[in-house]
Amino acid sequence: MRKGLMIVLNTVALVGLAGAAFAAEGGTDPQVVSMIAIATAIGMGLAALGTGIGMGFGLKGACEGTARNPDVSGKITVTMLIGLAMIESLAIYTLVVDLILLFANPYV
C-alpha cells in the first residue's frame, strides 16, 4: 500500500514540475547551460556509483558460488558476464542521455 502511494505521489510531483521545466523561454541562458552540465555530471556519477555497487555484489556472488561448487564455474561465469553486461547498460544509457543533454538539447 505504501509503495503504491509513494509511486503515485512521485508521479504527480514529477508531472507537476514538468510544466515549470518546459515553460522556460528559448535562448541560450548561461545559467541553464551550467545547470545542465552539473545535472549531467551528477547523473553520470550516480549511475557509475550504482553500477559499481551492483557489479561488486554480482562478482561477490559469483565468487562465492564458484567457491562452494567449483564444478559449475563455467555456468556461473557465463551468467555473471551476462549480468554484468546488463548492469553496465545502465551506465551506457545514462551516458547517452547525458551526451544528448549536453550537445543536442533542443530546449537550449
PDB file of N, CA and C in Angstrom:
ATOM      1  N   MET A   1       0.822  -1.189   0.000  1.00  0.00           N
ATOM      2  CA  MET A   1       0.000   0.000   0.000  1.00  0.00           C
ATOM      3  C   MET A   1       0.867   1.254   0.000  1.00  0.00           C
ATOM      4  N   ARG A   2       1.867   1.256   0.876  1.00  0.00           N
ATOM      5  CA  ARG A   2       2.714   2.438   1.000  1.00  0.00           C
ATOM      6  C   ARG A   2       3.553   2.650  -0.267  1.00  0.00           C
ATOM      7  N   LYS A   3       4.037   1.538  -0.843  1.00  0.00           N
ATOM      8  CA  LYS A   3       4.833   1.651  -2.061  1.00  0.00           C
ATOM      9  C   LYS A   3       3.999   2.244  -3.200  1.00  0.00           C
ATOM     10  N   GLY A   4       2.776   1.780  -3.339  1.00  0.00           N
ATOM     11  CA  GLY A   4       1.896   2.315  -4.378  1.00  0.00           C
ATOM     12  C   GLY A   4       1.599   3.786  -4.169  1.00  0.00           C
ATOM     13  N   LEU A   5       1.390   4.176  -2.918  1.00  0.00           N
ATOM     14  CA  LEU A   5       1.140   5.580  -2.609  1.00  0.00           C
ATOM     15  C   LEU A   5       2.347   6.447  -2.949  1.00  0.00           C
ATOM     16  N   MET A   6       3.532   5.948  -2.629  1.00  0.00           N
ATOM     17  CA  MET A   6       4.749   6.708  -2.940  1.00  0.00           C
ATOM     18  C   MET A   6       4.945   6.844  -4.449  1.00  0.00           C
ATOM     19  N   ILE A   7       4.623   5.800  -5.191  1.00  0.00           N
ATOM     20  CA  ILE A   7       4.736   5.864  -6.648  1.00  0.00           C
ATOM     21  C   ILE A   7       3.781   6.909  -7.205  1.00  0.00           C
ATOM     22  N   VAL A   8       2.561   6.908  -6.727  1.00  0.00           N
ATOM     23  CA  VAL A   8       1.571   7.883  -7.197  1.00  0.00           C
ATOM     24  C   VAL A   8       1.989   9.294  -6.842  1.00  0.00           C
ATOM     25  N   LEU A   9       2.451   9.525  -5.620  1.00  0.00           N
ATOM     26  CA  LEU A   9       2.872  10.862  -5.206  1.00  0.00           C
ATOM     27  C   LEU A   9       4.084  11.346  -5.996  1.00  0.00           C
ATOM     28  N   ASN A  10       5.044  10.460  -6.245  1.00  0.00           N
ATOM     29  CA  ASN A  10       6.198  10.843  -7.054  1.00  0.00           C
ATOM     30  C   ASN A  10       5.798  11.171  -8.484  1.00  0.00           C
ATOM     31  N   THR A  11       4.879  10.400  -9.036  1.00  0.00           N
ATOM     32  CA  THR A  11       4.427  10.665 -10.402  1.00  0.00           C
ATOM     33  C   THR A  11       3.719  12.014 -10.488  1.00  0.00           C
ATOM     34  N   VAL A  12       2.863  12.306  -9.530  1.00  0.00           N
ATOM     35  CA  VAL A  12       2.153  13.588  -9.519  1.00  0.00           C
ATOM     36  C   VAL A  12       3.150  14.736  -9.370  1.00  0.00           C
ATOM     37  N   ALA A  13       4.136  14.581  -8.512  1.00  0.00           N
ATOM     38  CA  ALA A  13       5.134  15.636  -8.315  1.00  0.00           C
ATOM     39  C   ALA A  13       5.946  15.871  -9.586  1.00  0.00           C
ATOM     40  N   LEU A  14       6.365  14.800 -10.250  1.00  0.00           N
ATOM     41  CA  LEU A  14       7.154  14.957 -11.471  1.00  0.00           C
ATOM     42  C   LEU A  14       6.337  15.563 -12.603  1.00  0.00           C
ATOM     43  N   VAL A  15       5.084  15.162 -12.734  1.00  0.00           N
ATOM     44  CA  VAL A  15       4.230  15.737 -13.773  1.00  0.00           C
ATOM     45  C   VAL A  15       3.974  17.218 -13.486  1.00  0.00           C
ATOM     46  N   GLY A  16       3.801  17.560 -12.206  1.00  0.00           N
ATOM     47  CA  GLY A  16       3.592  18.959 -11.840  1.00  0.00           C
ATOM     48  C   GLY A  16       4.809  19.826 -12.097  1.00  0.00           C
ATOM     49  N   LEU A  17       5.987  19.279 -11.871  1.00  0.00           N
ATOM     50  CA  LEU A  17       7.208  20.046 -12.093  1.00  0.00           C
ATOM     51  C   LEU A  17       7.602  20.112 -13.562  1.00  0.00           C
ATOM     52  N   ALA A  18       7.121  19.177 -14.369  1.00  0.00           N
ATOM     53  CA  ALA A  18       7.484  19.170 -15.785  1.00  0.00           C
ATOM     54  C   ALA A  18       6.964  20.418 -16.491  1.00  0.00           C
ATOM     55  N   GLY A  19       5.797  20.902 -16.115  1.00  0.00           N
ATOM     56  CA  GLY A  19       5.264  22.114 -16.740  1.00  0.00           C
ATOM     57  C   GLY A  19       6.155  23.313 -16.492  1.00  0.00           C
ATOM     58  N   ALA A  20       6.651  23.446 -15.286  1.00  0.00           N
ATOM     59  CA  ALA A  20       7.559  24.552 -14.982  1.00  0.00           C
ATOM     60  C   ALA A  20       8.887  24.396 -15.702  1.00  0.00           C
ATOM     61  N   ALA A  21       9.340  23.173 -15.859  1.00  0.00           N
ATOM     62  CA  ALA A  21      10.623  22.953 -16.531  1.00  0.00           C
ATOM     63  C   ALA A  21      10.528  23.288 -18.020  1.00  0.00           C
ATOM     64  N   PHE A  22       9.421  22.952 -18.658  1.00  0.00           N
ATOM     65  CA  PHE A  22       9.284  23.195 -20.089  1.00  0.00           C
ATOM     66  C   PHE A  22       8.729  24.580 -20.403  1.00  0.00           C
ATOM     67  N   ALA A  23       8.393  25.376 -19.403  1.00  0.00           N
ATOM     68  CA  ALA A  23       7.840  26.698 -19.639  1.00  0.00           C
ATOM     69  C   ALA A  23       8.918  27.747 -19.849  1.00  0.00           C
ATOM     70  N   ALA A  24      10.176  27.363 -19.775  1.00  0.00           N
ATOM     71  CA  ALA A  24      11.261  28.326 -19.943  1.00  0.00           C
ATOM     72  C   ALA A  24      11.277  28.847 -21.380  1.00  0.00           C
ATOM     73  N   GLU A  25      11.679  30.096 -21.516  1.00  0.00           N
ATOM     74  CA  GLU A  25      11.768  30.698 -22.834  1.00  0.00           C
ATOM     75  C   GLU A  25      12.983  30.158 -23.571  1.00  0.00           C
ATOM     76  N   GLY A  26      12.945  30.266 -24.885  1.00  0.00           N
ATOM     77  CA  GLY A  26      14.067  29.825 -25.690  1.00  0.00           C
ATOM     78  C   GLY A  26      15.262  30.753 -25.533  1.00  0.00           C
ATOM     79  N   GLY A  27      16.373  30.317 -26.022  1.00  0.00           N
ATOM     80  CA  GLY A  27      17.590  31.103 -25.905  1.00  0.00           C
ATOM     81  C   GLY A  27      18.621  30.353 -25.102  1.00  0.00           C
ATOM     82  N   THR A  28      19.853  30.783 -25.243  1.00  0.00           N
ATOM     83  CA  THR A  28      20.929  30.109 -24.527  1.00  0.00           C
ATOM     84  C   THR A  28      21.288  30.919 -23.293  1.00  0.00           C
ATOM     85  N   ASP A  29      20.673  30.593 -22.213  1.00  0.00           N
ATOM     86  CA  ASP A  29      20.965  31.222 -20.944  1.00  0.00           C
ATOM     87  C   ASP A  29      22.167  30.506 -20.333  1.00  0.00           C
ATOM     88  N   PRO A  30      23.219  31.228 -19.991  1.00  0.00           N
ATOM     89  CA  PRO A  30      24.403  30.561 -19.432  1.00  0.00           C
ATOM     90  C   PRO A  30      24.104  29.791 -18.145  1.00  0.00           C
ATOM     91  N   GLN A  31      23.139  30.279 -17.385  1.00  0.00           N
ATOM     92  CA  GLN A  31      22.796  29.584 -16.149  1.00  0.00           C
ATOM     93  C   GLN A  31      22.149  28.229 -16.453  1.00  0.00           C
ATOM     94  N   VAL A  32      21.323  28.176 -17.490  1.00  0.00           N
ATOM     95  CA  VAL A  32      20.690  26.915 -17.865  1.00  0.00           C
ATOM     96  C   VAL A  32      21.738  25.922 -18.360  1.00  0.00           C
ATOM     97  N   VAL A  33      22.672  26.403 -19.153  1.00  0.00           N
ATOM     98  CA  VAL A  33      23.721  25.524 -19.673  1.00  0.00           C
ATOM     99  C   VAL A  33      24.575  24.985 -18.532  1.00  0.00           C
ATOM    100  N   SER A  34      24.918  25.832 -17.574  1.00  0.00           N
ATOM    101  CA  SER A  34      25.733  25.360 -16.457  1.00  0.00           C
ATOM    102  C   SER A  34      24.965  24.383 -15.577  1.00  0.00           C
ATOM    103  N   MET A  35      23.671  24.614 -15.401  1.00  0.00           N
ATOM    104  CA  MET A  35      22.876  23.678 -14.609  1.00  0.00           C
ATOM    105  C   MET A  35      22.729  22.332 -15.316  1.00  0.00           C
ATOM    106  N   ILE A  36      22.623  22.357 -16.645  1.00  0.00           N
ATOM    107  CA  ILE A  36      22.578  21.106 -17.399  1.00  0.00           C
ATOM    108  C   ILE A  36      23.890  20.354 -17.238  1.00  0.00           C
ATOM    109  N   ALA A  37      25.011  21.073 -17.286  1.00  0.00           N
ATOM    110  CA  ALA A  37      26.312  20.429 -17.119  1.00  0.00           C
ATOM    111  C   ALA A  37      26.441  19.813 -15.728  1.00  0.00           C
ATOM    112  N   ILE A  38      25.990  20.525 -14.713  1.00  0.00           N
ATOM    113  CA  ILE A  38      26.049  19.991 -13.350  1.00  0.00           C
ATOM    114  C   ILE A  38      25.127  18.776 -13.216  1.00  0.00           C
ATOM    115  N   ALA A  39      23.936  18.857 -13.807  1.00  0.00           N
ATOM    116  CA  ALA A  39      22.982  17.744 -13.715  1.00  0.00           C
ATOM    117  C   ALA A  39      23.512  16.495 -14.418  1.00  0.00           C
ATOM    118  N   THR A  40      24.147  16.667 -15.567  1.00  0.00           N
ATOM    119  CA  THR A  40      24.695  15.505 -16.262  1.00  0.00           C
ATOM    120  C   THR A  40      25.857  14.902 -15.490  1.00  0.00           C
ATOM    121  N   ALA A  41      26.667  15.747 -14.856  1.00  0.00           N
ATOM    122  CA  ALA A  41      27.775  15.218 -14.053  1.00  0.00           C
ATOM    123  C   ALA A  41      27.253  14.436 -12.852  1.00  0.00           C
ATOM    124  N   ILE A  42      26.246  14.970 -12.180  1.00  0.00           N
ATOM    125  CA  ILE A  42      25.673  14.267 -11.029  1.00  0.00           C
ATOM    126  C   ILE A  42      24.998  12.970 -11.481  1.00  0.00           C
ATOM    127  N   GLY A  43      24.265  13.033 -12.592  1.00  0.00           N
ATOM    128  CA  GLY A  43      23.587  11.835 -13.099  1.00  0.00           C
ATOM    129  C   GLY A  43      24.561  10.733 -13.478  1.00  0.00           C
ATOM    130  N   MET A  44      25.645  11.093 -14.147  1.00  0.00           N
ATOM    131  CA  MET A  44      26.628  10.085 -14.534  1.00  0.00           C
ATOM    132  C   MET A  44      27.352   9.546 -13.310  1.00  0.00           C
ATOM    133  N   GLY A  45      27.599  10.406 -12.341  1.00  0.00           N
ATOM    134  CA  GLY A  45      28.241   9.947 -11.111  1.00  0.00           C
ATOM    135  C   GLY A  45      27.375   8.954 -10.357  1.00  0.00           C
ATOM    136  N   LEU A  46      26.079   9.241 -10.261  1.00  0.00           N
ATOM    137  CA  LEU A  46      25.166   8.319  -9.582  1.00  0.00           C
ATOM    138  C   LEU A  46      25.031   7.000 -10.346  1.00  0.00           C
ATOM    139  N   ALA A  47      25.008   7.089 -11.668  1.00  0.00           N
ATOM    140  CA  ALA A  47      24.916   5.862 -12.464  1.00  0.00           C
ATOM    141  C   ALA A  47      26.180   5.023 -12.302  1.00  0.00           C
ATOM    142  N   ALA A  48      27.339   5.669 -12.292  1.00  0.00           N
ATOM    143  CA  ALA A  48      28.585   4.932 -12.096  1.00  0.00           C
ATOM    144  C   ALA A  48      28.643   4.318 -10.701  1.00  0.00           C
ATOM    145  N   LEU A  49      28.162   5.050  -9.706  1.00  0.00           N
ATOM    146  CA  LEU A  49      28.131   4.525  -8.337  1.00  0.00           C
ATOM    147  C   LEU A  49      27.213   3.307  -8.256  1.00  0.00           C
ATOM    148  N   GLY A  50      26.028   3.420  -8.837  1.00  0.00           N
ATOM    149  CA  GLY A  50      25.083   2.302  -8.802  1.00  0.00           C
ATOM    150  C   GLY A  50      25.576   1.081  -9.553  1.00  0.00           C
ATOM    151  N   THR A  51      26.159   1.290 -10.714  1.00  0.00           N
ATOM    152  CA  THR A  51      26.667   0.149 -11.467  1.00  0.00           C
ATOM    153  C   THR A  51      27.876  -0.473 -10.786  1.00  0.00           C
ATOM    154  N   GLY A  52      28.697   0.349 -10.160  1.00  0.00           N
ATOM    155  CA  GLY A  52      29.850  -0.201  -9.437  1.00  0.00           C
ATOM    156  C   GLY A  52      29.421  -1.064  -8.264  1.00  0.00           C
ATOM    157  N   ILE A  53      28.434  -0.596  -7.524  1.00  0.00           N
ATOM    158  CA  ILE A  53      27.930  -1.382  -6.392  1.00  0.00           C
ATOM    159  C   ILE A  53      27.259  -2.662  -6.891  1.00  0.00           C
ATOM    160  N   GLY A  54      26.467  -2.551  -7.938  1.00  0.00           N
ATOM    161  CA  GLY A  54      25.802  -3.728  -8.494  1.00  0.00           C
ATOM    162  C   GLY A  54      26.781  -4.754  -9.032  1.00  0.00           C
ATOM    163  N   MET A  55      27.814  -4.290  -9.720  1.00  0.00           N
ATOM    164  CA  MET A  55      28.815  -5.215 -10.239  1.00  0.00           C
ATOM    165  C   MET A  55      29.605  -5.863  -9.112  1.00  0.00           C
ATOM    166  N   GLY A  56      29.865  -5.100  -8.075  1.00  0.00           N
ATOM    167  CA  GLY A  56      30.571  -5.670  -6.929  1.00  0.00           C
ATOM    168  C   GLY A  56      29.786  -6.782  -6.271  1.00  0.00           C
ATOM    169  N   PHE A  57      28.475  -6.559  -6.085  1.00  0.00           N
ATOM    170  CA  PHE A  57      27.632  -7.603  -5.495  1.00  0.00           C
ATOM    171  C   PHE A  57      27.551  -8.825  -6.415  1.00  0.00           C
ATOM    172  N   GLY A  58      27.450  -8.575  -7.724  1.00  0.00           N
ATOM    173  CA  GLY A  58      27.388  -9.693  -8.668  1.00  0.00           C
ATOM    174  C   GLY A  58      28.667 -10.510  -8.677  1.00  0.00           C
ATOM    175  N   LEU A  59      29.802  -9.838  -8.657  1.00  0.00           N
ATOM    176  CA  LEU A  59      31.078 -10.540  -8.643  1.00  0.00           C
ATOM    177  C   LEU A  59      31.278 -11.294  -7.331  1.00  0.00           C
ATOM    178  N   LYS A  60      30.845 -10.696  -6.238  1.00  0.00           N
ATOM    179  CA  LYS A  60      30.928 -11.358  -4.929  1.00  0.00           C
ATOM    180  C   LYS A  60      30.116 -12.646  -4.934  1.00  0.00           C
ATOM    181  N   GLY A  61      28.892 -12.564  -5.454  1.00  0.00           N
ATOM    182  CA  GLY A  61      28.044 -13.752  -5.513  1.00  0.00           C
ATOM    183  C   GLY A  61      28.626 -14.832  -6.409  1.00  0.00           C
ATOM    184  N   ALA A  62      29.211 -14.429  -7.531  1.00  0.00           N
ATOM    185  CA  ALA A  62      29.803 -15.411  -8.440  1.00  0.00           C
ATOM    186  C   ALA A  62      31.018 -16.082  -7.803  1.00  0.00           C
ATOM    187  N   CYS A  63      31.828 -15.310  -7.114  1.00  0.00           N
ATOM    188  CA  CYS A  63      32.991 -15.895  -6.437  1.00  0.00           C
ATOM    189  C   CYS A  63      32.561 -16.852  -5.329  1.00  0.00           C
ATOM    190  N   GLU A  64      31.537 -16.477  -4.577  1.00  0.00           N
ATOM    191  CA  GLU A  64      31.046 -17.368  -3.520  1.00  0.00           C
ATOM    192  C   GLU A  64      30.443 -18.640  -4.109  1.00  0.00           C
ATOM    193  N   GLY A  65      29.719 -18.508  -5.202  1.00  0.00           N
ATOM    194  CA  GLY A  65      29.131 -19.677  -5.843  1.00  0.00           C
ATOM    195  C   GLY A  65      30.185 -20.608  -6.407  1.00  0.00           C
ATOM    196  N   THR A  66      31.235 -20.054  -6.981  1.00  0.00           N
ATOM    197  CA  THR A  66      32.319 -20.875  -7.509  1.00  0.00           C
ATOM    198  C   THR A  66      33.081 -21.551  -6.374  1.00  0.00           C
ATOM    199  N   ALA A  67      33.255 -20.834  -5.261  1.00  0.00           N
ATOM    200  CA  ALA A  67      33.957 -21.430  -4.130  1.00  0.00           C
ATOM    201  C   ALA A  67      33.153 -22.581  -3.526  1.00  0.00           C
ATOM    202  N   ARG A  68      31.839 -22.480  -3.520  1.00  0.00           N
ATOM    203  CA  ARG A  68      31.001 -23.543  -2.962  1.00  0.00           C
ATOM    204  C   ARG A  68      30.926 -24.757  -3.883  1.00  0.00           C
ATOM    205  N   ASN A  69      30.850 -24.488  -5.197  1.00  0.00           N
ATOM    206  CA  ASN A  69      30.681 -25.581  -6.152  1.00  0.00           C
ATOM    207  C   ASN A  69      31.545 -25.295  -7.388  1.00  0.00           C
ATOM    208  N   PRO A  70      32.811 -25.697  -7.356  1.00  0.00           N
ATOM    209  CA  PRO A  70      33.708 -25.394  -8.477  1.00  0.00           C
ATOM    210  C   PRO A  70      33.347 -26.100  -9.785  1.00  0.00           C
ATOM    211  N   ASP A  71      32.529 -27.125  -9.708  1.00  0.00           N
ATOM    212  CA  ASP A  71      32.179 -27.864 -10.928  1.00  0.00           C
ATOM    213  C   ASP A  71      31.335 -27.045 -11.893  1.00  0.00           C
ATOM    214  N   VAL A  72      30.571 -26.104 -11.404  1.00  0.00           N
ATOM    215  CA  VAL A  72      29.691 -25.305 -12.267  1.00  0.00           C
ATOM    216  C   VAL A  72      30.252 -23.902 -12.493  1.00  0.00           C
ATOM    217  N   SER A  73      31.561 -23.766 -12.386  1.00  0.00           N
ATOM    218  CA  SER A  73      32.153 -22.427 -12.535  1.00  0.00           C
ATOM    219  C   SER A  73      31.924 -21.860 -13.935  1.00  0.00           C
ATOM    220  N   GLY A  74      31.848 -22.707 -14.955  1.00  0.00           N
ATOM    221  CA  GLY A  74      31.603 -22.223 -16.313  1.00  0.00           C
ATOM    222  C   GLY A  74      30.234 -21.580 -16.453  1.00  0.00           C
ATOM    223  N   LYS A  75      29.212 -22.235 -15.918  1.00  0.00           N
ATOM    224  CA  LYS A  75      27.855 -21.684 -15.977  1.00  0.00           C
ATOM    225  C   LYS A  75      27.748 -20.403 -15.150  1.00  0.00           C
ATOM    226  N   ILE A  76      28.408 -20.405 -13.987  1.00  0.00           N
ATOM    227  CA  ILE A  76      28.370 -19.210 -13.143  1.00  0.00           C
ATOM    228  C   ILE A  76      29.062 -18.043 -13.846  1.00  0.00           C
ATOM    229  N   THR A  77      30.177 -18.331 -14.501  1.00  0.00           N
ATOM    230  CA  THR A  77      30.915 -17.266 -15.196  1.00  0.00           C
ATOM    231  C   THR A  77      30.097 -16.681 -16.338  1.00  0.00           C
ATOM    232  N   VAL A  78      29.446 -17.534 -17.105  1.00  0.00           N
ATOM    233  CA  VAL A  78      28.621 -17.045 -18.218  1.00  0.00           C
ATOM    234  C   VAL A  78      27.463 -16.203 -17.698  1.00  0.00           C
ATOM    235  N   THR A  79      26.800 -16.689 -16.672  1.00  0.00           N
ATOM    236  CA  THR A  79      25.686 -15.941 -16.090  1.00  0.00           C
ATOM    237  C   THR A  79      26.160 -14.621 -15.506  1.00  0.00           C
ATOM    238  N   MET A  80      27.330 -14.644 -14.854  1.00  0.00           N
ATOM    239  CA  MET A  80      27.876 -13.414 -14.273  1.00  0.00           C
ATOM    240  C   MET A  80      28.198 -12.392 -15.368  1.00  0.00           C
ATOM    241  N   LEU A  81      28.796 -12.839 -16.462  1.00  0.00           N
ATOM    242  CA  LEU A  81      29.145 -11.901 -17.534  1.00  0.00           C
ATOM    243  C   LEU A  81      27.900 -11.306 -18.184  1.00  0.00           C
ATOM    244  N   ILE A  82      26.861 -12.102 -18.358  1.00  0.00           N
ATOM    245  CA  ILE A  82      25.611 -11.559 -18.898  1.00  0.00           C
ATOM    246  C   ILE A  82      25.013 -10.548 -17.935  1.00  0.00           C
ATOM    247  N   GLY A  83      25.025 -10.883 -16.647  1.00  0.00           N
ATOM    248  CA  GLY A  83      24.513  -9.949 -15.643  1.00  0.00           C
ATOM    249  C   GLY A  83      25.319  -8.659 -15.584  1.00  0.00           C
ATOM    250  N   LEU A  84      26.642  -8.771 -15.676  1.00  0.00           N
ATOM    251  CA  LEU A  84      27.478  -7.571 -15.662  1.00  0.00           C
ATOM    252  C   LEU A  84      27.227  -6.700 -16.891  1.00  0.00           C
ATOM    253  N   ALA A  85      26.974  -7.325 -18.025  1.00  0.00           N
ATOM    254  CA  ALA A  85      26.657  -6.551 -19.235  1.00  0.00           C
ATOM    255  C   ALA A  85      25.336  -5.811 -19.077  1.00  0.00           C
ATOM    256  N   MET A  86      24.354  -6.462 -18.454  1.00  0.00           N
ATOM    257  CA  MET A  86      23.071  -5.793 -18.220  1.00  0.00           C
ATOM    258  C   MET A  86      23.226  -4.639 -17.237  1.00  0.00           C
ATOM    259  N   ILE A  87      24.034  -4.822 -16.212  1.00  0.00           N
ATOM    260  CA  ILE A  87      24.262  -3.754 -15.245  1.00  0.00           C
ATOM    261  C   ILE A  87      24.998  -2.594 -15.905  1.00  0.00           C
ATOM    262  N   GLU A  88      25.976  -2.906 -16.737  1.00  0.00           N
ATOM    263  CA  GLU A  88      26.757  -1.854 -17.399  1.00  0.00           C
ATOM    264  C   GLU A  88      25.903  -1.058 -18.376  1.00  0.00           C
ATOM    265  N   SER A  89      24.837  -1.672 -18.896  1.00  0.00           N
ATOM    266  CA  SER A  89      23.978  -0.950 -19.829  1.00  0.00           C
ATOM    267  C   SER A  89      23.329   0.265 -19.167  1.00  0.00           C
ATOM    268  N   LEU A  90      23.114   0.224 -17.858  1.00  0.00           N
ATOM    269  CA  LEU A  90      22.578   1.395 -17.152  1.00  0.00           C
ATOM    270  C   LEU A  90      23.509   2.584 -17.297  1.00  0.00           C
ATOM    271  N   ALA A  91      24.796   2.367 -17.109  1.00  0.00           N
ATOM    272  CA  ALA A  91      25.758   3.454 -17.240  1.00  0.00           C
ATOM    273  C   ALA A  91      25.838   3.943 -18.690  1.00  0.00           C
ATOM    274  N   ILE A  92      25.729   3.034 -19.636  1.00  0.00           N
ATOM    275  CA  ILE A  92      25.790   3.434 -21.049  1.00  0.00           C
ATOM    276  C   ILE A  92      24.561   4.255 -21.427  1.00  0.00           C
ATOM    277  N   TYR A  93      23.382   3.846 -20.967  1.00  0.00           N
ATOM    278  CA  TYR A  93      22.171   4.619 -21.230  1.00  0.00           C
ATOM    279  C   TYR A  93      22.265   6.008 -20.597  1.00  0.00           C
ATOM    280  N   THR A  94      22.798   6.076 -19.399  1.00  0.00           N
ATOM    281  CA  THR A  94      22.963   7.372 -18.740  1.00  0.00           C
ATOM    282  C   THR A  94      23.933   8.244 -19.513  1.00  0.00           C
ATOM    283  N   LEU A  95      25.003   7.656 -20.000  1.00  0.00           N
ATOM    284  CA  LEU A  95      25.962   8.419 -20.794  1.00  0.00           C
ATOM    285  C   LEU A  95      25.319   8.953 -22.067  1.00  0.00           C
ATOM    286  N   VAL A  96      24.499   8.150 -22.717  1.00  0.00           N
ATOM    287  CA  VAL A  96      23.824   8.602 -23.943  1.00  0.00           C
ATOM    288  C   VAL A  96      22.886   9.765 -23.643  1.00  0.00           C
ATOM    289  N   VAL A  97      22.109   9.653 -22.574  1.00  0.00           N
ATOM    290  CA  VAL A  97      21.201  10.741 -22.204  1.00  0.00           C
ATOM    291  C   VAL A  97      21.986  11.995 -21.835  1.00  0.00           C
ATOM    292  N   ASP A  98      23.089  11.831 -21.119  1.00  0.00           N
ATOM    293  CA  ASP A  98      23.909  12.985 -20.751  1.00  0.00           C
ATOM    294  C   ASP A  98      24.503  13.661 -21.987  1.00  0.00           C
ATOM    295  N   LEU A  99      24.963  12.878 -22.943  1.00  0.00           N
ATOM    296  CA  LEU A  99      25.516  13.465 -24.163  1.00  0.00           C
ATOM    297  C   LEU A  99      24.437  14.179 -24.973  1.00  0.00           C
ATOM    298  N   ILE A 100      23.225  13.628 -24.986  1.00  0.00           N
ATOM    299  CA  ILE A 100      22.121  14.315 -25.665  1.00  0.00           C
ATOM    300  C   ILE A 100      21.829  15.637 -24.981  1.00  0.00           C
ATOM    301  N   LEU A 101      21.800  15.640 -23.657  1.00  0.00           N
ATOM    302  CA  LEU A 101      21.534  16.888 -22.929  1.00  0.00           C
ATOM    303  C   LEU A 101      22.641  17.917 -23.138  1.00  0.00           C
ATOM    304  N   LEU A 102      23.866  17.457 -23.245  1.00  0.00           N
ATOM    305  CA  LEU A 102      24.977  18.403 -23.395  1.00  0.00           C
ATOM    306  C   LEU A 102      25.103  18.954 -24.814  1.00  0.00           C
ATOM    307  N   PHE A 103      24.927  18.106 -25.822  1.00  0.00           N
ATOM    308  CA  PHE A 103      25.272  18.533 -27.175  1.00  0.00           C
ATOM    309  C   PHE A 103      24.087  18.653 -28.133  1.00  0.00           C
ATOM    310  N   ALA A 104      22.971  18.027 -27.855  1.00  0.00           N
ATOM    311  CA  ALA A 104      21.842  18.072 -28.787  1.00  0.00           C
ATOM    312  C   ALA A 104      20.560  18.438 -28.069  1.00  0.00           C
ATOM    313  N   ASN A 105      20.653  19.263 -27.055  1.00  0.00           N
ATOM    314  CA  ASN A 105      19.487  19.614 -26.260  1.00  0.00           C
ATOM    315  C   ASN A 105      18.594  20.585 -27.040  1.00  0.00           C
ATOM    316  N   PRO A 106      17.382  20.184 -27.359  1.00  0.00           N
ATOM    317  CA  PRO A 106      16.506  21.086 -28.110  1.00  0.00           C
ATOM    318  C   PRO A 106      15.927  22.213 -27.276  1.00  0.00           C
ATOM    319  N   TYR A 107      16.077  22.167 -25.959  1.00  0.00           N
ATOM    320  CA  TYR A 107      15.490  23.175 -25.084  1.00  0.00           C
ATOM    321  C   TYR A 107      16.460  24.303 -24.765  1.00  0.00           C
ATOM    322  N   VAL A 108      17.665  24.253 -25.317  1.00  0.00           N
ATOM    323  CA  VAL A 108      18.641  25.329 -25.035  1.00  0.00           C
ATOM    324  C   VAL A 108      18.835  26.161 -26.266  1.00  0.00           C
TER     325      VAL A 108
END
